[in-house]
PDB file of N, CA and C in Angstrom:
ATOM      1  N   MET A   1     -17.448 -25.285 -23.425  1.00  0.00           N
ATOM      2  CA  MET A   1     -18.380 -24.310 -24.179  1.00  0.00           C
ATOM      3  C   MET A   1     -18.260 -23.120 -22.212  1.00  0.00           C
ATOM      4  N   ILE A   2     -18.059 -21.916 -22.619  1.00  0.00           N
ATOM      5  CA  ILE A   2     -17.555 -21.028 -21.658  1.00  0.00           C
ATOM      6  C   ILE A   2     -19.175 -20.427 -21.387  1.00  0.00           C
ATOM      7  N   ASN A   3     -19.907 -20.593 -20.087  1.00  0.00           N
ATOM      8  CA  ASN A   3     -21.550 -20.373 -19.856  1.00  0.00           C
ATOM      9  C   ASN A   3     -20.720 -18.781 -19.562  1.00  0.00           C
ATOM     10  N   ASN A   4     -21.833 -18.185 -20.531  1.00  0.00           N
ATOM     11  CA  ASN A   4     -21.929 -16.314 -20.409  1.00  0.00           C
ATOM     12  C   ASN A   4     -22.358 -15.476 -19.285  1.00  0.00           C
ATOM     13  N   LYS A   5     -23.361 -16.641 -18.647  1.00  0.00           N
ATOM     14  CA  LYS A   5     -23.846 -16.268 -17.639  1.00  0.00           C
ATOM     15  C   LYS A   5     -23.011 -16.249 -16.351  1.00  0.00           C
ATOM     16  N   SER A   6     -22.473 -17.431 -16.053  1.00  0.00           N
ATOM     17  CA  SER A   6     -21.555 -17.645 -14.702  1.00  0.00           C
ATOM     18  C   SER A   6     -20.584 -16.570 -14.529  1.00  0.00           C
ATOM     19  N   LYS A   7     -19.964 -16.150 -16.523  1.00  0.00           N
ATOM     20  CA  LYS A   7     -18.884 -15.235 -16.033  1.00  0.00           C
ATOM     21  C   LYS A   7     -19.321 -13.719 -15.678  1.00  0.00           C
ATOM     22  N   GLU A   8     -20.915 -13.133 -16.367  1.00  0.00           N
ATOM     23  CA  GLU A   8     -20.954 -12.145 -16.045  1.00  0.00           C
ATOM     24  C   GLU A   8     -21.131 -12.024 -14.885  1.00  0.00           C
ATOM     25  N   SER A   9     -21.974 -12.654 -13.731  1.00  0.00           N
ATOM     26  CA  SER A   9     -22.119 -13.280 -12.526  1.00  0.00           C
ATOM     27  C   SER A   9     -20.764 -12.778 -11.663  1.00  0.00           C
ATOM     28  N   SER A  10     -19.766 -13.659 -11.849  1.00  0.00           N
ATOM     29  CA  SER A  10     -18.371 -13.186 -11.317  1.00  0.00           C
ATOM     30  C   SER A  10     -17.846 -11.770 -11.684  1.00  0.00           C
ATOM     31  N   PHE A  11     -18.189 -11.165 -12.964  1.00  0.00           N
ATOM     32  CA  PHE A  11     -17.605  -9.877 -12.844  1.00  0.00           C
ATOM     33  C   PHE A  11     -18.659  -8.954 -12.043  1.00  0.00           C
ATOM     34  N   THR A  12     -19.702  -9.435 -11.740  1.00  0.00           N
ATOM     35  CA  THR A  12     -20.630  -8.777 -11.341  1.00  0.00           C
ATOM     36  C   THR A  12     -20.730  -8.491  -9.831  1.00  0.00           C
ATOM     37  N   ARG A  13     -19.858  -9.720  -9.099  1.00  0.00           N
ATOM     38  CA  ARG A  13     -19.564  -9.720  -7.694  1.00  0.00           C
ATOM     39  C   ARG A  13     -18.443  -9.169  -7.659  1.00  0.00           C
ATOM     40  N   ILE A  14     -17.690  -9.320  -8.352  1.00  0.00           N
ATOM     41  CA  ILE A  14     -16.445  -8.600  -8.155  1.00  0.00           C
ATOM     42  C   ILE A  14     -16.183  -6.647  -8.657  1.00  0.00           C
ATOM     43  N   LEU A  15     -17.248  -6.272  -9.124  1.00  0.00           N
ATOM     44  CA  LEU A  15     -17.513  -4.837  -9.817  1.00  0.00           C
ATOM     45  C   LEU A  15     -18.110  -4.541  -8.319  1.00  0.00           C
ATOM     46  N   ARG A  16     -19.194  -5.397  -7.641  1.00  0.00           N
ATOM     47  CA  ARG A  16     -20.127  -4.781  -6.611  1.00  0.00           C
ATOM     48  C   ARG A  16     -18.853  -4.950  -5.325  1.00  0.00           C
ATOM     49  N   GLY A  17     -17.944  -5.824  -5.194  1.00  0.00           N
ATOM     50  CA  GLY A  17     -16.734  -6.038  -4.229  1.00  0.00           C
ATOM     51  C   GLY A  17     -16.036  -4.705  -4.080  1.00  0.00           C
ATOM     52  N   LEU A  18     -15.770  -4.274  -5.219  1.00  0.00           N
ATOM     53  CA  LEU A  18     -14.616  -2.919  -5.402  1.00  0.00           C
ATOM     54  C   LEU A  18     -15.681  -1.656  -5.081  1.00  0.00           C
ATOM     55  N   ILE A  19     -16.899  -1.862  -5.858  1.00  0.00           N
ATOM     56  CA  ILE A  19     -17.549  -0.362  -5.537  1.00  0.00           C
ATOM     57  C   ILE A  19     -18.215  -0.227  -3.870  1.00  0.00           C
ATOM     58  N   GLU A  20     -18.083  -1.371  -3.393  1.00  0.00           N
ATOM     59  CA  GLU A  20     -18.272  -1.473  -1.829  1.00  0.00           C
ATOM     60  C   GLU A  20     -17.346  -1.402  -0.642  1.00  0.00           C
ATOM     61  N   THR A  21     -16.642  -1.993  -1.090  1.00  0.00           N
ATOM     62  CA  THR A  21     -14.969  -1.457  -0.089  1.00  0.00           C
ATOM     63  C   THR A  21     -14.680  -0.067  -0.869  1.00  0.00           C
ATOM     64  N   GLY A  22     -14.580   0.678  -2.321  1.00  0.00           N
ATOM     65  CA  GLY A  22     -14.335   1.496  -2.133  1.00  0.00           C
ATOM     66  C   GLY A  22     -14.993   2.957  -1.442  1.00  0.00           C
ATOM     67  N   PHE A  23     -16.336   2.219  -1.411  1.00  0.00           N
ATOM     68  CA  PHE A  23     -17.557   3.265  -0.314  1.00  0.00           C
ATOM     69  C   PHE A  23     -16.854   3.516   0.965  1.00  0.00           C
ATOM     70  N   ILE A  24     -16.824   1.980   1.635  1.00  0.00           N
ATOM     71  CA  ILE A  24     -16.308   2.293   3.374  1.00  0.00           C
ATOM     72  C   ILE A  24     -15.085   2.871   2.999  1.00  0.00           C
ATOM     73  N   ILE A  25     -14.031   2.313   2.195  1.00  0.00           N
ATOM     74  CA  ILE A  25     -13.343   3.468   2.130  1.00  0.00           C
ATOM     75  C   ILE A  25     -13.147   5.215   2.174  1.00  0.00           C
ATOM     76  N   PHE A  26     -13.863   5.418   1.191  1.00  0.00           N
ATOM     77  CA  PHE A  26     -14.553   6.620   0.913  1.00  0.00           C
ATOM     78  C   PHE A  26     -15.205   7.341   2.700  1.00  0.00           C
ATOM     79  N   LEU A  27     -15.656   6.242   3.015  1.00  0.00           N
ATOM     80  CA  LEU A  27     -16.243   7.064   4.621  1.00  0.00           C
ATOM     81  C   LEU A  27     -15.544   6.709   5.472  1.00  0.00           C
ATOM     82  N   PHE A  28     -14.515   6.088   5.430  1.00  0.00           N
ATOM     83  CA  PHE A  28     -13.342   5.999   6.385  1.00  0.00           C
ATOM     84  C   PHE A  28     -12.509   7.809   6.406  1.00  0.00           C
ATOM     85  N   TYR A  29     -11.796   8.434   5.290  1.00  0.00           N
ATOM     86  CA  TYR A  29     -11.004   9.128   4.684  1.00  0.00           C
ATOM     87  C   TYR A  29     -12.052  10.443   5.122  1.00  0.00           C
ATOM     88  N   SER A  30     -13.359  10.341   4.934  1.00  0.00           N
ATOM     89  CA  SER A  30     -14.242  11.496   4.751  1.00  0.00           C
ATOM     90  C   SER A  30     -14.634  11.702   6.589  1.00  0.00           C
ATOM     91  N   ASN A  31     -14.416  10.499   7.265  1.00  0.00           N
ATOM     92  CA  ASN A  31     -14.568  11.345   8.692  1.00  0.00           C
ATOM     93  C   ASN A  31     -13.247  11.464   9.614  1.00  0.00           C
ATOM     94  N   LEU A  32     -11.857  10.885   8.793  1.00  0.00           N
ATOM     95  CA  LEU A  32     -10.797  11.874   9.076  1.00  0.00           C
ATOM     96  C   LEU A  32     -10.779  13.125   8.801  1.00  0.00           C
ATOM     97  N   LEU A  33     -11.229  13.978   7.552  1.00  0.00           N
ATOM     98  CA  LEU A  33     -11.360  15.192   7.201  1.00  0.00           C
ATOM     99  C   LEU A  33     -12.076  15.738   8.085  1.00  0.00           C
ATOM    100  N   MET A  34     -13.427  14.941   8.240  1.00  0.00           N
ATOM    101  CA  MET A  34     -14.360  15.905   9.430  1.00  0.00           C
ATOM    102  C   MET A  34     -13.382  16.097  10.533  1.00  0.00           C
ATOM    103  N   GLY A  35     -13.141  15.197  11.343  1.00  0.00           N
ATOM    104  CA  GLY A  35     -12.207  15.000  13.092  1.00  0.00           C
ATOM    105  C   GLY A  35     -11.300  16.079  12.600  1.00  0.00           C
ATOM    106  N   GLU A  36     -10.583  16.363  11.372  1.00  0.00           N
ATOM    107  CA  GLU A  36      -9.290  17.304  11.258  1.00  0.00           C
ATOM    108  C   GLU A  36     -10.005  18.750  11.411  1.00  0.00           C
ATOM    109  N   PHE A  37     -11.191  19.436  10.804  1.00  0.00           N
ATOM    110  CA  PHE A  37     -12.032  20.205  10.989  1.00  0.00           C
ATOM    111  C   PHE A  37     -12.819  20.729  12.310  1.00  0.00           C
ATOM    112  N   ASP A  38     -12.836  19.501  13.237  1.00  0.00           N
ATOM    113  CA  ASP A  38     -13.799  19.659  14.410  1.00  0.00           C
ATOM    114  C   ASP A  38     -12.873  21.088  15.154  1.00  0.00           C
ATOM    115  N   ARG A  39     -13.507  20.760  16.407  1.00  0.00           N
ATOM    116  CA  ARG A  39     -13.277  21.879  17.330  1.00  0.00           C
ATOM    117  C   ARG A  39     -11.903  21.555  17.982  1.00  0.00           C
ATOM    118  N   THR A  40     -11.643  20.065  17.908  1.00  0.00           N
ATOM    119  CA  THR A  40     -10.318  19.600  19.056  1.00  0.00           C
ATOM    120  C   THR A  40      -8.830  19.307  17.677  1.00  0.00           C
ATOM    121  N   GLY A  41      -9.667  19.465  16.215  1.00  0.00           N
ATOM    122  CA  GLY A  41      -8.596  19.093  15.478  1.00  0.00           C
ATOM    123  C   GLY A  41      -7.467  20.244  14.976  1.00  0.00           C
ATOM    124  N   ASN A  42      -6.863  19.829  14.310  1.00  0.00           N
ATOM    125  CA  ASN A  42      -5.672  20.518  13.699  1.00  0.00           C
ATOM    126  C   ASN A  42      -6.364  22.001  12.001  1.00  0.00           C
ATOM    127  N   GLY A  43      -7.233  21.440  11.675  1.00  0.00           N
ATOM    128  CA  GLY A  43      -7.614  21.557  10.583  1.00  0.00           C
ATOM    129  C   GLY A  43      -7.894  22.986  10.396  1.00  0.00           C
ATOM    130  N   GLN A  44      -8.411  24.025  11.610  1.00  0.00           N
ATOM    131  CA  GLN A  44      -8.536  25.172  11.588  1.00  0.00           C
ATOM    132  C   GLN A  44      -7.362  25.990  11.757  1.00  0.00           C
ATOM    133  N   ARG A  45      -6.296  25.343  12.043  1.00  0.00           N
ATOM    134  CA  ARG A  45      -5.066  26.514  12.293  1.00  0.00           C
ATOM    135  C   ARG A  45      -4.270  26.149  11.505  1.00  0.00           C
ATOM    136  N   LYS A  46      -4.502  24.951  10.310  1.00  0.00           N
ATOM    137  CA  LYS A  46      -3.470  24.538   9.816  1.00  0.00           C
ATOM    138  C   LYS A  46      -4.155  24.775   8.056  1.00  0.00           C
ATOM    139  N   SER A  47      -2.824  24.835   6.935  1.00  0.00           N
ATOM    140  CA  SER A  47      -3.754  24.268   5.995  1.00  0.00           C
ATOM    141  C   SER A  47      -4.563  23.336   5.836  1.00  0.00           C
ATOM    142  N   PHE A  48      -5.339  23.557   4.678  1.00  0.00           N
ATOM    143  CA  PHE A  48      -5.987  22.273   4.232  1.00  0.00           C
ATOM    144  C   PHE A  48      -5.314  21.046   3.338  1.00  0.00           C
ATOM    145  N   ILE A  49      -4.185  21.487   2.481  1.00  0.00           N
ATOM    146  CA  ILE A  49      -2.749  20.912   2.142  1.00  0.00           C
ATOM    147  C   ILE A  49      -2.352  20.152   3.343  1.00  0.00           C
ATOM    148  N   TRP A  50      -2.139  20.635   4.603  1.00  0.00           N
ATOM    149  CA  TRP A  50      -1.216  19.948   5.863  1.00  0.00           C
ATOM    150  C   TRP A  50      -2.280  18.846   5.978  1.00  0.00           C
ATOM    151  N   VAL A  51      -3.871  19.390   5.858  1.00  0.00           N
ATOM    152  CA  VAL A  51      -4.846  17.949   6.567  1.00  0.00           C
ATOM    153  C   VAL A  51      -4.383  16.913   5.426  1.00  0.00           C
ATOM    154  N   LEU A  52      -4.333  17.078   4.466  1.00  0.00           N
ATOM    155  CA  LEU A  52      -4.444  15.965   3.754  1.00  0.00           C
ATOM    156  C   LEU A  52      -3.396  15.061   3.693  1.00  0.00           C
ATOM    157  N   GLY A  53      -2.269  15.905   3.698  1.00  0.00           N
ATOM    158  CA  GLY A  53      -0.957  15.023   4.387  1.00  0.00           C
ATOM    159  C   GLY A  53      -0.975  14.080   5.073  1.00  0.00           C
ATOM    160  N   ASP A  54      -1.893  14.866   6.563  1.00  0.00           N
ATOM    161  CA  ASP A  54      -1.837  14.269   7.598  1.00  0.00           C
ATOM    162  C   ASP A  54      -2.925  13.176   7.614  1.00  0.00           C
ATOM    163  N   ILE A  55      -3.974  13.187   7.025  1.00  0.00           N
ATOM    164  CA  ILE A  55      -4.428  12.060   7.028  1.00  0.00           C
ATOM    165  C   ILE A  55      -4.685  10.670   5.751  1.00  0.00           C
ATOM    166  N   PHE A  56      -3.974  11.438   4.743  1.00  0.00           N
ATOM    167  CA  PHE A  56      -3.237  10.471   3.996  1.00  0.00           C
ATOM    168  C   PHE A  56      -1.938   9.648   3.980  1.00  0.00           C
ATOM    169  N   THR A  57      -2.030   8.892   5.002  1.00  0.00           N
ATOM    170  CA  THR A  57      -0.396   7.939   5.330  1.00  0.00           C
ATOM    171  C   THR A  57      -0.607   6.321   5.351  1.00  0.00           C
ATOM    172  N   THR A  58       0.266   6.221   4.966  1.00  0.00           N
ATOM    173  CA  THR A  58       0.411   4.860   5.115  1.00  0.00           C
ATOM    174  C   THR A  58      -0.605   3.506   6.347  1.00  0.00           C
ATOM    175  N   ALA A  59      -0.303   3.830   6.966  1.00  0.00           N
ATOM    176  CA  ALA A  59      -0.770   3.690   8.347  1.00  0.00           C
ATOM    177  C   ALA A  59      -2.627   3.512   7.744  1.00  0.00           C
ATOM    178  N   ASN A  60      -2.728   4.540   7.617  1.00  0.00           N
ATOM    179  CA  ASN A  60      -4.251   4.912   7.540  1.00  0.00           C
ATOM    180  C   ASN A  60      -4.769   4.529   6.232  1.00  0.00           C
ATOM    181  N   PHE A  61      -4.367   3.898   5.115  1.00  0.00           N
ATOM    182  CA  PHE A  61      -4.385   3.782   4.479  1.00  0.00           C
ATOM    183  C   PHE A  61      -4.453   2.041   4.853  1.00  0.00           C
ATOM    184  N   ALA A  62      -3.852   1.581   5.308  1.00  0.00           N
ATOM    185  CA  ALA A  62      -3.888  -0.161   5.350  1.00  0.00           C
ATOM    186  C   ALA A  62      -5.031  -0.373   6.653  1.00  0.00           C
ATOM    187  N   ILE A  63      -5.292   1.075   7.485  1.00  0.00           N
ATOM    188  CA  ILE A  63      -6.354   0.561   8.389  1.00  0.00           C
ATOM    189  C   ILE A  63      -7.899   0.925   7.385  1.00  0.00           C
ATOM    190  N   ALA A  64      -7.764   1.514   6.638  1.00  0.00           N
ATOM    191  CA  ALA A  64      -8.609   1.514   5.759  1.00  0.00           C
ATOM    192  C   ALA A  64      -9.554   0.429   4.954  1.00  0.00           C
ATOM    193  N   ILE A  65      -7.779  -0.291   4.658  1.00  0.00           N
ATOM    194  CA  ILE A  65      -8.332  -1.541   3.425  1.00  0.00           C
ATOM    195  C   ILE A  65      -8.959  -2.412   4.222  1.00  0.00           C
ATOM    196  N   ILE A  66      -8.097  -2.731   5.371  1.00  0.00           N
ATOM    197  CA  ILE A  66      -8.427  -4.056   6.329  1.00  0.00           C
ATOM    198  C   ILE A  66     -10.097  -3.628   6.991  1.00  0.00           C
ATOM    199  N   ALA A  67     -10.398  -2.357   7.074  1.00  0.00           N
ATOM    200  CA  ALA A  67     -12.016  -2.182   7.309  1.00  0.00           C
ATOM    201  C   ALA A  67     -13.032  -2.192   6.295  1.00  0.00           C
ATOM    202  N   ALA A  68     -12.208  -1.765   5.285  1.00  0.00           N
ATOM    203  CA  ALA A  68     -13.118  -1.927   3.824  1.00  0.00           C
ATOM    204  C   ALA A  68     -13.491  -4.048   3.277  1.00  0.00           C
ATOM    205  N   ILE A  69     -12.362  -4.167   3.754  1.00  0.00           N
ATOM    206  CA  ILE A  69     -12.615  -5.959   3.313  1.00  0.00           C
ATOM    207  C   ILE A  69     -12.862  -6.256   4.551  1.00  0.00           C
ATOM    208  N   ALA A  70     -13.327  -6.119   5.845  1.00  0.00           N
ATOM    209  CA  ALA A  70     -13.650  -7.164   6.658  1.00  0.00           C
ATOM    210  C   ALA A  70     -15.713  -6.580   6.981  1.00  0.00           C
ATOM    211  N   GLY A  71     -15.848  -5.526   6.282  1.00  0.00           N
ATOM    212  CA  GLY A  71     -16.700  -4.603   6.176  1.00  0.00           C
ATOM    213  C   GLY A  71     -17.842  -5.238   5.145  1.00  0.00           C
ATOM    214  N   TYR A  72     -16.602  -6.005   3.782  1.00  0.00           N
ATOM    215  CA  TYR A  72     -17.542  -6.560   3.062  1.00  0.00           C
ATOM    216  C   TYR A  72     -18.116  -7.833   3.213  1.00  0.00           C
ATOM    217  N   PHE A  73     -16.904  -8.544   3.897  1.00  0.00           N
ATOM    218  CA  PHE A  73     -17.404  -9.521   4.098  1.00  0.00           C
ATOM    219  C   PHE A  73     -18.805  -9.566   5.101  1.00  0.00           C
ATOM    220  N   VAL A  74     -18.724  -9.030   6.206  1.00  0.00           N
ATOM    221  CA  VAL A  74     -19.835  -8.706   6.549  1.00  0.00           C
ATOM    222  C   VAL A  74     -21.268  -8.455   6.339  1.00  0.00           C
ATOM    223  N   PHE A  75     -20.913  -7.512   5.010  1.00  0.00           N
ATOM    224  CA  PHE A  75     -22.279  -7.054   4.671  1.00  0.00           C
ATOM    225  C   PHE A  75     -22.421  -8.208   3.615  1.00  0.00           C
ATOM    226  N   GLU A  76     -21.902  -8.918   2.914  1.00  0.00           N
ATOM    227  CA  GLU A  76     -21.967 -10.162   1.939  1.00  0.00           C
ATOM    228  C   GLU A  76     -22.613 -11.376   3.083  1.00  0.00           C
ATOM    229  N   PHE A  77     -22.254 -11.175   4.398  1.00  0.00           N
ATOM    230  CA  PHE A  77     -22.817 -12.482   5.492  1.00  0.00           C
ATOM    231  C   PHE A  77     -24.020 -12.309   5.663  1.00  0.00           C
ATOM    232  N   LEU A  78     -24.071 -10.529   5.932  1.00  0.00           N
ATOM    233  CA  LEU A  78     -25.963 -10.441   6.317  1.00  0.00           C
ATOM    234  C   LEU A  78     -26.594 -10.386   4.868  1.00  0.00           C
ATOM    235  N   ARG A  79     -25.942  -9.925   3.758  1.00  0.00           N
ATOM    236  CA  ARG A  79     -27.113  -9.972   2.667  1.00  0.00           C
ATOM    237  C   ARG A  79     -27.465 -11.562   2.288  1.00  0.00           C
ATOM    238  N   LYS A  80     -26.021 -12.685   2.849  1.00  0.00           N
ATOM    239  CA  LYS A  80     -27.036 -14.107   2.354  1.00  0.00           C
ATOM    240  C   LYS A  80     -27.649 -14.449   3.683  1.00  0.00           C
ATOM    241  N   LYS A  81     -27.337 -13.857   4.741  1.00  0.00           N
ATOM    242  CA  LYS A  81     -28.196 -14.404   5.943  1.00  0.00           C
ATOM    243  C   LYS A  81     -29.796 -13.702   5.701  1.00  0.00           C
ATOM    244  N   ILE A  82     -29.933 -12.429   4.870  1.00  0.00           N
ATOM    245  CA  ILE A  82     -31.829 -11.896   5.585  1.00  0.00           C
ATOM    246  C   ILE A  82     -31.979 -12.381   3.884  1.00  0.00           C
TER     247      ILE A  82
END
């Protein structure tokens, strides 16, 4: 018989991991967006659509995914340590 408690806890861990990595990705892209509208960015001179095209690239997405996964493991390590 399958233990429902362990199934729920693994589902909860997966859901928490997805939420945490998604939040890190959100912070990464919001930081890029704010940087485009800073004094030195091109966002003030060009359109908002251009800015979105500039920040949503394959390279930025790869960096965001790698940073989110690394951040998740760091937070899990700290969560278990503290």
